[in-house]
Amino acid sequence: MRDAEADSRQADRSNLRLRKYYESQGLEFVGTVDIGSGIVSGSGVRWRDPRSPVRPPDEHMQYRSNGAEFALGAARAFLDITAKEAAAELGLNRQTLTKIEASGECSPEVRRKIVEFYRTHGIVFVGWRDEENDRYFGVGVMTTKQILPKSSDTG
């Protein structure tokens, strides 16, 4: 029992270090936790939004902008599926899908198909467009699914 508790504390410390690292790179983790039930809703990740009330530790830090509106690779990773699996469901080959994820470049029809695929699997795309510069800020993904708390009863 003690080893399990020690392993759990070590995992929590590792998770905290990972979160701090990604936050230092400009990512923001989003979502809500119901205090009474521990149920997590709307969990996700996005590039820090300059309009966010949560300011970065270094005000001079630049916010990341994207030329693409959708974080397709993040959506796939969030669902924990491989490019091969997603491509097969979409009727694309793996190389085509990974190229689209990297560049954001594809026909409007293919983009609609991919976005709809992720939306039907509970993914919500977030972000906003700066009209003046034709760039997107706060681009990321969230899920509509609730995450139940891990059972604290190990016995």
N, C-alpha and C. Protein backbone atom coordinates (compact mmCIF):
# COMPACT_ATOMS: atom_id res chain seq x y z
N MET A 1 0.82 -1.19 0.00
CA MET A 1 0.00 0.00 0.00
C MET A 1 0.87 1.26 0.00
N ARG A 2 1.94 1.24 0.80
CA ARG A 2 2.82 2.40 0.86
C ARG A 2 3.47 2.67 -0.49
N ASP A 3 3.88 1.60 -1.19
CA ASP A 3 4.51 1.76 -2.50
C ASP A 3 3.54 2.40 -3.49
N ALA A 4 2.28 2.00 -3.43
CA ALA A 4 1.27 2.58 -4.33
C ALA A 4 1.10 4.07 -4.05
N GLU A 5 1.08 4.44 -2.77
CA GLU A 5 0.94 5.85 -2.42
C GLU A 5 2.17 6.64 -2.87
N ALA A 6 3.35 6.08 -2.69
CA ALA A 6 4.58 6.75 -3.12
C ALA A 6 4.60 6.90 -4.64
N ASP A 7 4.18 5.85 -5.35
CA ASP A 7 4.11 5.92 -6.81
C ASP A 7 3.12 7.00 -7.26
N SER A 8 2.00 7.09 -6.56
CA SER A 8 0.99 8.09 -6.89
C SER A 8 1.53 9.51 -6.68
N ARG A 9 2.24 9.73 -5.57
CA ARG A 9 2.83 11.05 -5.31
C ARG A 9 3.89 11.38 -6.37
N GLN A 10 4.70 10.40 -6.75
CA GLN A 10 5.72 10.61 -7.78
C GLN A 10 5.06 10.96 -9.11
N ALA A 11 3.99 10.26 -9.45
CA ALA A 11 3.26 10.55 -10.70
C ALA A 11 2.69 11.96 -10.67
N ASP A 12 2.15 12.38 -9.51
CA ASP A 12 1.60 13.73 -9.39
C ASP A 12 2.70 14.77 -9.59
N ARG A 13 3.89 14.53 -9.01
CA ARG A 13 5.00 15.48 -9.18
C ARG A 13 5.44 15.54 -10.64
N SER A 14 5.49 14.37 -11.29
CA SER A 14 5.87 14.34 -12.72
C SER A 14 4.85 15.09 -13.57
N ASN A 15 3.58 14.88 -13.28
CA ASN A 15 2.52 15.59 -14.02
C ASN A 15 2.63 17.09 -13.82
N LEU A 16 2.90 17.51 -12.61
CA LEU A 16 3.05 18.94 -12.33
C LEU A 16 4.23 19.53 -13.10
N ARG A 17 5.36 18.80 -13.13
CA ARG A 17 6.53 19.28 -13.88
C ARG A 17 6.20 19.39 -15.38
N LEU A 18 5.52 18.39 -15.91
CA LEU A 18 5.13 18.44 -17.33
C LEU A 18 4.21 19.63 -17.60
N ARG A 19 3.21 19.82 -16.74
CA ARG A 19 2.29 20.94 -16.93
C ARG A 19 3.03 22.27 -16.90
N LYS A 20 3.92 22.44 -15.93
CA LYS A 20 4.67 23.69 -15.84
C LYS A 20 5.54 23.90 -17.08
N TYR A 21 6.14 22.82 -17.59
CA TYR A 21 6.95 22.95 -18.80
C TYR A 21 6.09 23.44 -19.97
N TYR A 22 4.97 22.77 -20.21
CA TYR A 22 4.12 23.16 -21.34
C TYR A 22 3.54 24.56 -21.17
N GLU A 23 3.23 24.94 -19.95
CA GLU A 23 2.75 26.30 -19.71
C GLU A 23 3.86 27.31 -20.01
N SER A 24 5.11 26.96 -19.70
CA SER A 24 6.23 27.86 -20.00
C SER A 24 6.43 28.01 -21.50
N GLN A 25 5.93 27.06 -22.27
CA GLN A 25 6.03 27.12 -23.74
C GLN A 25 4.84 27.84 -24.37
N GLY A 26 3.90 28.33 -23.54
CA GLY A 26 2.78 29.11 -24.04
C GLY A 26 1.46 28.37 -24.10
N LEU A 27 1.41 27.15 -23.60
CA LEU A 27 0.15 26.41 -23.61
C LEU A 27 -0.64 26.70 -22.34
N GLU A 28 -1.95 26.64 -22.46
CA GLU A 28 -2.84 26.87 -21.34
C GLU A 28 -3.79 25.68 -21.25
N PHE A 29 -3.87 25.07 -20.07
CA PHE A 29 -4.78 23.96 -19.86
C PHE A 29 -6.10 24.52 -19.36
N VAL A 30 -7.20 24.07 -19.94
CA VAL A 30 -8.52 24.62 -19.62
C VAL A 30 -9.45 23.51 -19.16
N GLY A 31 -10.53 23.91 -18.52
CA GLY A 31 -11.54 22.98 -18.05
C GLY A 31 -12.01 23.36 -16.66
N THR A 32 -13.03 22.66 -16.19
CA THR A 32 -13.55 22.91 -14.86
C THR A 32 -13.67 21.59 -14.11
N VAL A 33 -13.54 21.68 -12.78
CA VAL A 33 -13.71 20.51 -11.92
C VAL A 33 -14.81 20.84 -10.93
N ASP A 34 -15.81 19.97 -10.84
CA ASP A 34 -16.86 20.11 -9.84
C ASP A 34 -16.27 19.68 -8.50
N ILE A 35 -16.24 20.59 -7.54
CA ILE A 35 -15.61 20.33 -6.25
C ILE A 35 -16.28 19.16 -5.53
N GLY A 36 -17.59 19.08 -5.59
CA GLY A 36 -18.32 18.03 -4.88
C GLY A 36 -18.11 16.65 -5.45
N SER A 37 -18.17 16.53 -6.78
CA SER A 37 -18.10 15.20 -7.41
C SER A 37 -16.73 14.86 -7.96
N GLY A 38 -15.91 15.88 -8.24
CA GLY A 38 -14.61 15.65 -8.86
C GLY A 38 -14.69 15.45 -10.36
N ILE A 39 -15.88 15.63 -10.95
CA ILE A 39 -16.06 15.45 -12.39
C ILE A 39 -15.43 16.62 -13.13
N VAL A 40 -14.63 16.29 -14.15
CA VAL A 40 -13.96 17.30 -14.97
C VAL A 40 -14.79 17.50 -16.24
N SER A 41 -15.05 18.76 -16.57
CA SER A 41 -15.81 19.10 -17.78
C SER A 41 -15.02 20.09 -18.62
N GLY A 42 -15.16 19.97 -19.93
CA GLY A 42 -14.55 20.93 -20.84
C GLY A 42 -13.04 20.94 -20.79
N SER A 43 -12.43 19.80 -20.49
CA SER A 43 -10.97 19.79 -20.40
C SER A 43 -10.36 19.93 -21.78
N GLY A 44 -9.20 20.57 -21.82
CA GLY A 44 -8.52 20.75 -23.09
C GLY A 44 -7.25 21.54 -22.93
N VAL A 45 -6.69 21.91 -24.06
CA VAL A 45 -5.44 22.67 -24.10
C VAL A 45 -5.48 23.59 -25.31
N ARG A 46 -4.88 24.76 -25.16
CA ARG A 46 -4.81 25.71 -26.27
C ARG A 46 -3.58 26.59 -26.08
N TRP A 47 -3.21 27.28 -27.15
CA TRP A 47 -2.15 28.27 -27.02
C TRP A 47 -2.71 29.43 -26.22
N ARG A 48 -1.90 29.98 -25.32
CA ARG A 48 -2.35 31.07 -24.46
C ARG A 48 -2.93 32.20 -25.30
N ASP A 49 -4.05 32.68 -24.85
CA ASP A 49 -4.81 33.71 -25.54
C ASP A 49 -4.45 35.07 -24.95
N PRO A 50 -4.02 36.04 -25.75
CA PRO A 50 -3.65 37.35 -25.19
C PRO A 50 -4.81 38.06 -24.52
N ARG A 51 -6.05 37.63 -24.79
CA ARG A 51 -7.21 38.24 -24.15
C ARG A 51 -7.53 37.61 -22.80
N SER A 52 -6.80 36.55 -22.44
CA SER A 52 -7.07 35.81 -21.21
C SER A 52 -6.78 36.67 -19.98
N PRO A 53 -7.63 36.54 -18.95
CA PRO A 53 -7.34 37.30 -17.72
C PRO A 53 -6.13 36.75 -16.98
N VAL A 54 -5.72 35.51 -17.29
CA VAL A 54 -4.53 34.92 -16.67
C VAL A 54 -3.33 35.37 -17.49
N ARG A 55 -2.50 36.19 -16.91
CA ARG A 55 -1.34 36.75 -17.60
C ARG A 55 -0.14 35.84 -17.41
N PRO A 56 0.72 35.73 -18.42
CA PRO A 56 1.92 34.92 -18.28
C PRO A 56 2.86 35.57 -17.26
N PRO A 57 3.73 34.75 -16.64
CA PRO A 57 4.66 35.30 -15.66
C PRO A 57 5.54 36.39 -16.25
N ASP A 58 5.94 36.24 -17.50
CA ASP A 58 6.75 37.25 -18.17
C ASP A 58 5.86 37.99 -19.16
N GLU A 59 5.51 39.22 -18.83
CA GLU A 59 4.61 39.99 -19.69
C GLU A 59 5.16 40.17 -21.11
N HIS A 60 6.46 40.13 -21.25
CA HIS A 60 7.05 40.34 -22.57
C HIS A 60 6.94 39.10 -23.46
N MET A 61 6.48 37.98 -22.86
CA MET A 61 6.37 36.74 -23.64
C MET A 61 5.43 36.93 -24.82
N GLN A 62 5.85 36.47 -25.96
CA GLN A 62 5.02 36.57 -27.16
C GLN A 62 3.97 35.48 -27.15
N TYR A 63 2.79 35.84 -27.63
CA TYR A 63 1.73 34.85 -27.77
C TYR A 63 1.86 34.19 -29.13
N ARG A 64 1.60 32.91 -29.16
CA ARG A 64 1.71 32.18 -30.42
C ARG A 64 0.45 32.39 -31.24
N SER A 65 0.66 32.68 -32.50
CA SER A 65 -0.47 32.77 -33.41
C SER A 65 -0.30 31.70 -34.48
N ASN A 66 -1.40 31.32 -35.07
CA ASN A 66 -1.40 30.28 -36.08
C ASN A 66 -1.99 30.83 -37.36
N GLY A 67 -1.54 30.29 -38.47
CA GLY A 67 -2.17 30.60 -39.74
C GLY A 67 -3.39 29.73 -39.97
N ALA A 68 -3.49 28.64 -39.19
CA ALA A 68 -4.61 27.71 -39.33
C ALA A 68 -5.58 27.88 -38.16
N GLU A 69 -6.85 27.75 -38.49
CA GLU A 69 -7.90 27.93 -37.50
C GLU A 69 -8.06 26.73 -36.58
N PHE A 70 -7.75 25.53 -37.06
CA PHE A 70 -8.01 24.32 -36.31
C PHE A 70 -6.71 23.60 -35.92
N ALA A 71 -6.66 23.11 -34.69
CA ALA A 71 -5.52 22.34 -34.21
C ALA A 71 -5.84 20.85 -34.44
N LEU A 72 -5.71 20.43 -35.69
CA LEU A 72 -6.13 19.07 -36.07
C LEU A 72 -5.27 18.00 -35.42
N GLY A 73 -3.97 18.22 -35.36
CA GLY A 73 -3.08 17.24 -34.72
C GLY A 73 -3.37 17.13 -33.23
N ALA A 74 -3.67 18.25 -32.60
CA ALA A 74 -4.01 18.23 -31.17
C ALA A 74 -5.32 17.48 -30.95
N ALA A 75 -6.26 17.64 -31.86
CA ALA A 75 -7.54 16.93 -31.73
C ALA A 75 -7.32 15.43 -31.79
N ARG A 76 -6.50 15.00 -32.72
CA ARG A 76 -6.22 13.56 -32.85
C ARG A 76 -5.51 13.04 -31.61
N ALA A 77 -4.52 13.79 -31.14
CA ALA A 77 -3.78 13.38 -29.94
C ALA A 77 -4.70 13.33 -28.72
N PHE A 78 -5.61 14.29 -28.64
CA PHE A 78 -6.54 14.34 -27.51
C PHE A 78 -7.43 13.10 -27.48
N LEU A 79 -7.78 12.58 -28.67
CA LEU A 79 -8.59 11.36 -28.74
C LEU A 79 -7.75 10.10 -28.56
N ASP A 80 -6.43 10.26 -28.54
CA ASP A 80 -5.51 9.15 -28.37
C ASP A 80 -5.68 8.10 -29.47
N ILE A 81 -5.71 8.59 -30.71
CA ILE A 81 -5.76 7.69 -31.86
C ILE A 81 -4.58 8.01 -32.78
N THR A 82 -4.14 7.03 -33.52
CA THR A 82 -3.00 7.22 -34.42
C THR A 82 -3.46 7.91 -35.69
N ALA A 83 -2.51 8.46 -36.42
CA ALA A 83 -2.81 9.07 -37.71
C ALA A 83 -3.38 8.02 -38.65
N LYS A 84 -2.87 6.82 -38.58
CA LYS A 84 -3.36 5.73 -39.43
C LYS A 84 -4.83 5.43 -39.14
N GLU A 85 -5.19 5.37 -37.85
CA GLU A 85 -6.58 5.10 -37.47
C GLU A 85 -7.51 6.22 -37.92
N ALA A 86 -7.11 7.48 -37.66
CA ALA A 86 -7.95 8.61 -38.06
C ALA A 86 -8.09 8.67 -39.57
N ALA A 87 -6.99 8.49 -40.28
CA ALA A 87 -7.02 8.56 -41.75
C ALA A 87 -7.94 7.49 -42.31
N ALA A 88 -7.89 6.29 -41.74
CA ALA A 88 -8.75 5.21 -42.23
C ALA A 88 -10.22 5.57 -42.06
N GLU A 89 -10.57 6.14 -40.92
CA GLU A 89 -11.98 6.54 -40.69
C GLU A 89 -12.39 7.68 -41.61
N LEU A 90 -11.43 8.52 -41.99
CA LEU A 90 -11.72 9.67 -42.85
C LEU A 90 -11.64 9.35 -44.33
N GLY A 91 -11.13 8.16 -44.67
CA GLY A 91 -10.96 7.81 -46.07
C GLY A 91 -9.78 8.51 -46.72
N LEU A 92 -8.76 8.84 -45.90
CA LEU A 92 -7.53 9.48 -46.38
C LEU A 92 -6.37 8.53 -46.12
N ASN A 93 -5.23 8.79 -46.76
CA ASN A 93 -4.06 8.02 -46.36
C ASN A 93 -3.35 8.77 -45.23
N ARG A 94 -2.55 8.04 -44.47
CA ARG A 94 -1.89 8.60 -43.29
C ARG A 94 -1.02 9.80 -43.64
N GLN A 95 -0.26 9.70 -44.73
CA GLN A 95 0.64 10.78 -45.12
C GLN A 95 -0.13 12.07 -45.42
N THR A 96 -1.27 11.92 -46.08
CA THR A 96 -2.08 13.10 -46.39
C THR A 96 -2.58 13.75 -45.11
N LEU A 97 -3.07 12.95 -44.17
CA LEU A 97 -3.58 13.50 -42.92
C LEU A 97 -2.48 14.21 -42.14
N THR A 98 -1.32 13.60 -42.00
CA THR A 98 -0.25 14.25 -41.23
C THR A 98 0.23 15.53 -41.92
N LYS A 99 0.21 15.56 -43.24
CA LYS A 99 0.57 16.79 -43.97
C LYS A 99 -0.45 17.89 -43.69
N ILE A 100 -1.72 17.53 -43.69
CA ILE A 100 -2.78 18.52 -43.39
C ILE A 100 -2.64 19.01 -41.96
N GLU A 101 -2.36 18.10 -41.02
CA GLU A 101 -2.19 18.51 -39.62
C GLU A 101 -1.03 19.49 -39.47
N ALA A 102 0.04 19.26 -40.19
CA ALA A 102 1.24 20.10 -40.08
C ALA A 102 1.06 21.46 -40.75
N SER A 103 0.40 21.47 -41.91
CA SER A 103 0.33 22.71 -42.69
C SER A 103 -1.02 23.42 -42.60
N GLY A 104 -2.07 22.66 -42.30
CA GLY A 104 -3.41 23.23 -42.31
C GLY A 104 -3.97 23.39 -43.71
N GLU A 105 -3.19 22.98 -44.70
CA GLU A 105 -3.59 23.19 -46.09
C GLU A 105 -4.34 21.99 -46.65
N CYS A 106 -5.57 22.23 -47.09
CA CYS A 106 -6.38 21.23 -47.77
C CYS A 106 -7.61 21.94 -48.33
N SER A 107 -8.37 21.24 -49.10
CA SER A 107 -9.57 21.84 -49.68
C SER A 107 -10.60 22.09 -48.58
N PRO A 108 -11.50 23.04 -48.80
CA PRO A 108 -12.55 23.29 -47.80
C PRO A 108 -13.40 22.04 -47.52
N GLU A 109 -13.62 21.22 -48.54
CA GLU A 109 -14.43 20.01 -48.35
C GLU A 109 -13.73 19.02 -47.42
N VAL A 110 -12.42 18.82 -47.63
CA VAL A 110 -11.66 17.90 -46.78
C VAL A 110 -11.59 18.45 -45.36
N ARG A 111 -11.37 19.75 -45.21
CA ARG A 111 -11.31 20.38 -43.88
C ARG A 111 -12.63 20.16 -43.14
N ARG A 112 -13.76 20.39 -43.83
CA ARG A 112 -15.06 20.19 -43.20
C ARG A 112 -15.23 18.74 -42.74
N LYS A 113 -14.80 17.82 -43.57
CA LYS A 113 -14.90 16.40 -43.25
C LYS A 113 -14.08 16.05 -42.00
N ILE A 114 -12.86 16.55 -41.94
CA ILE A 114 -11.98 16.28 -40.79
C ILE A 114 -12.54 16.91 -39.52
N VAL A 115 -12.94 18.17 -39.61
CA VAL A 115 -13.47 18.88 -38.44
C VAL A 115 -14.73 18.19 -37.94
N GLU A 116 -15.61 17.79 -38.85
CA GLU A 116 -16.84 17.10 -38.45
C GLU A 116 -16.53 15.77 -37.78
N PHE A 117 -15.53 15.05 -38.28
CA PHE A 117 -15.09 13.79 -37.67
C PHE A 117 -14.74 14.01 -36.20
N TYR A 118 -13.91 15.02 -35.93
CA TYR A 118 -13.50 15.28 -34.56
C TYR A 118 -14.67 15.77 -33.71
N ARG A 119 -15.52 16.60 -34.27
CA ARG A 119 -16.67 17.09 -33.51
C ARG A 119 -17.60 15.95 -33.12
N THR A 120 -17.80 14.98 -34.00
CA THR A 120 -18.67 13.85 -33.66
C THR A 120 -18.04 12.97 -32.57
N HIS A 121 -16.73 13.09 -32.38
CA HIS A 121 -16.05 12.36 -31.31
C HIS A 121 -15.89 13.23 -30.05
N GLY A 122 -16.62 14.33 -29.97
CA GLY A 122 -16.65 15.14 -28.75
C GLY A 122 -15.59 16.22 -28.65
N ILE A 123 -14.93 16.55 -29.76
CA ILE A 123 -13.90 17.60 -29.73
C ILE A 123 -14.52 18.95 -30.11
N VAL A 124 -14.14 19.98 -29.36
CA VAL A 124 -14.53 21.35 -29.66
C VAL A 124 -13.25 22.10 -29.99
N PHE A 125 -13.25 22.80 -31.11
CA PHE A 125 -12.09 23.61 -31.50
C PHE A 125 -12.28 25.02 -30.95
N VAL A 126 -11.23 25.57 -30.36
CA VAL A 126 -11.30 26.91 -29.78
C VAL A 126 -10.25 27.81 -30.42
N GLY A 127 -10.46 29.11 -30.29
CA GLY A 127 -9.53 30.10 -30.84
C GLY A 127 -10.31 31.23 -31.48
N TRP A 128 -9.61 32.28 -31.83
CA TRP A 128 -10.25 33.42 -32.48
C TRP A 128 -9.32 34.02 -33.51
N ARG A 129 -9.93 34.67 -34.48
CA ARG A 129 -9.17 35.23 -35.61
C ARG A 129 -8.97 36.73 -35.44
N ASP A 130 -7.73 37.15 -35.62
CA ASP A 130 -7.40 38.57 -35.67
C ASP A 130 -7.57 38.99 -37.12
N GLU A 131 -8.65 39.67 -37.40
CA GLU A 131 -8.99 40.06 -38.78
C GLU A 131 -7.90 40.89 -39.43
N GLU A 132 -7.32 41.80 -38.66
CA GLU A 132 -6.32 42.72 -39.22
C GLU A 132 -5.09 41.99 -39.74
N ASN A 133 -4.65 40.97 -39.01
CA ASN A 133 -3.43 40.25 -39.38
C ASN A 133 -3.68 38.87 -39.99
N ASP A 134 -4.95 38.49 -40.08
CA ASP A 134 -5.33 37.18 -40.60
C ASP A 134 -4.56 36.06 -39.90
N ARG A 135 -4.52 36.13 -38.56
CA ARG A 135 -3.87 35.12 -37.72
C ARG A 135 -4.87 34.66 -36.66
N TYR A 136 -4.65 33.46 -36.14
CA TYR A 136 -5.52 32.90 -35.11
C TYR A 136 -4.77 32.80 -33.79
N PHE A 137 -5.44 33.17 -32.70
CA PHE A 137 -4.88 33.12 -31.35
C PHE A 137 -5.72 32.19 -30.48
N GLY A 138 -5.09 31.62 -29.46
CA GLY A 138 -5.81 30.76 -28.53
C GLY A 138 -6.29 29.47 -29.17
N VAL A 139 -5.64 29.05 -30.25
CA VAL A 139 -6.06 27.85 -30.98
C VAL A 139 -5.79 26.62 -30.11
N GLY A 140 -6.79 25.74 -30.04
CA GLY A 140 -6.65 24.52 -29.26
C GLY A 140 -7.88 23.66 -29.35
N VAL A 141 -7.97 22.70 -28.45
CA VAL A 141 -9.09 21.76 -28.43
C VAL A 141 -9.58 21.55 -27.01
N MET A 142 -10.86 21.22 -26.91
CA MET A 142 -11.50 20.84 -25.65
C MET A 142 -12.39 19.65 -25.96
N THR A 143 -12.83 18.97 -24.91
CA THR A 143 -13.75 17.87 -25.10
C THR A 143 -15.10 18.19 -24.47
N THR A 144 -16.16 17.67 -25.07
CA THR A 144 -17.49 17.84 -24.51
C THR A 144 -17.79 16.73 -23.51
N LYS A 145 -16.92 15.74 -23.44
CA LYS A 145 -17.14 14.59 -22.56
C LYS A 145 -16.68 14.91 -21.15
N GLN A 146 -17.38 14.37 -20.18
CA GLN A 146 -16.97 14.53 -18.79
C GLN A 146 -16.00 13.43 -18.42
N ILE A 147 -15.06 13.76 -17.55
CA ILE A 147 -14.08 12.80 -17.08
C ILE A 147 -14.39 12.53 -15.61
N LEU A 148 -14.68 11.31 -15.30
CA LEU A 148 -15.02 10.95 -13.93
C LEU A 148 -13.75 10.84 -13.10
N PRO A 149 -13.85 11.16 -11.81
CA PRO A 149 -12.64 11.07 -10.96
C PRO A 149 -12.23 9.61 -10.79
N LYS A 150 -10.93 9.41 -10.60
CA LYS A 150 -10.43 8.08 -10.30
C LYS A 150 -10.95 7.68 -8.92
N SER A 151 -11.29 6.44 -8.76
CA SER A 151 -11.78 5.95 -7.49
C SER A 151 -10.67 6.01 -6.45
N SER A 152 -10.97 6.55 -5.31
CA SER A 152 -9.96 6.61 -4.24
C SER A 152 -9.96 5.33 -3.44
N ASP A 153 -10.92 4.45 -3.75
CA ASP A 153 -11.01 3.16 -3.04
C ASP A 153 -10.12 2.16 -3.75
N THR A 154 -8.95 1.88 -3.22
CA THR A 154 -8.04 0.93 -3.85
C THR A 154 -8.14 -0.45 -3.25
N GLY A 155 -8.95 -0.64 -2.23
CA GLY A 155 -9.02 -1.92 -1.55
C GLY A 155 -10.26 -2.59 -1.93
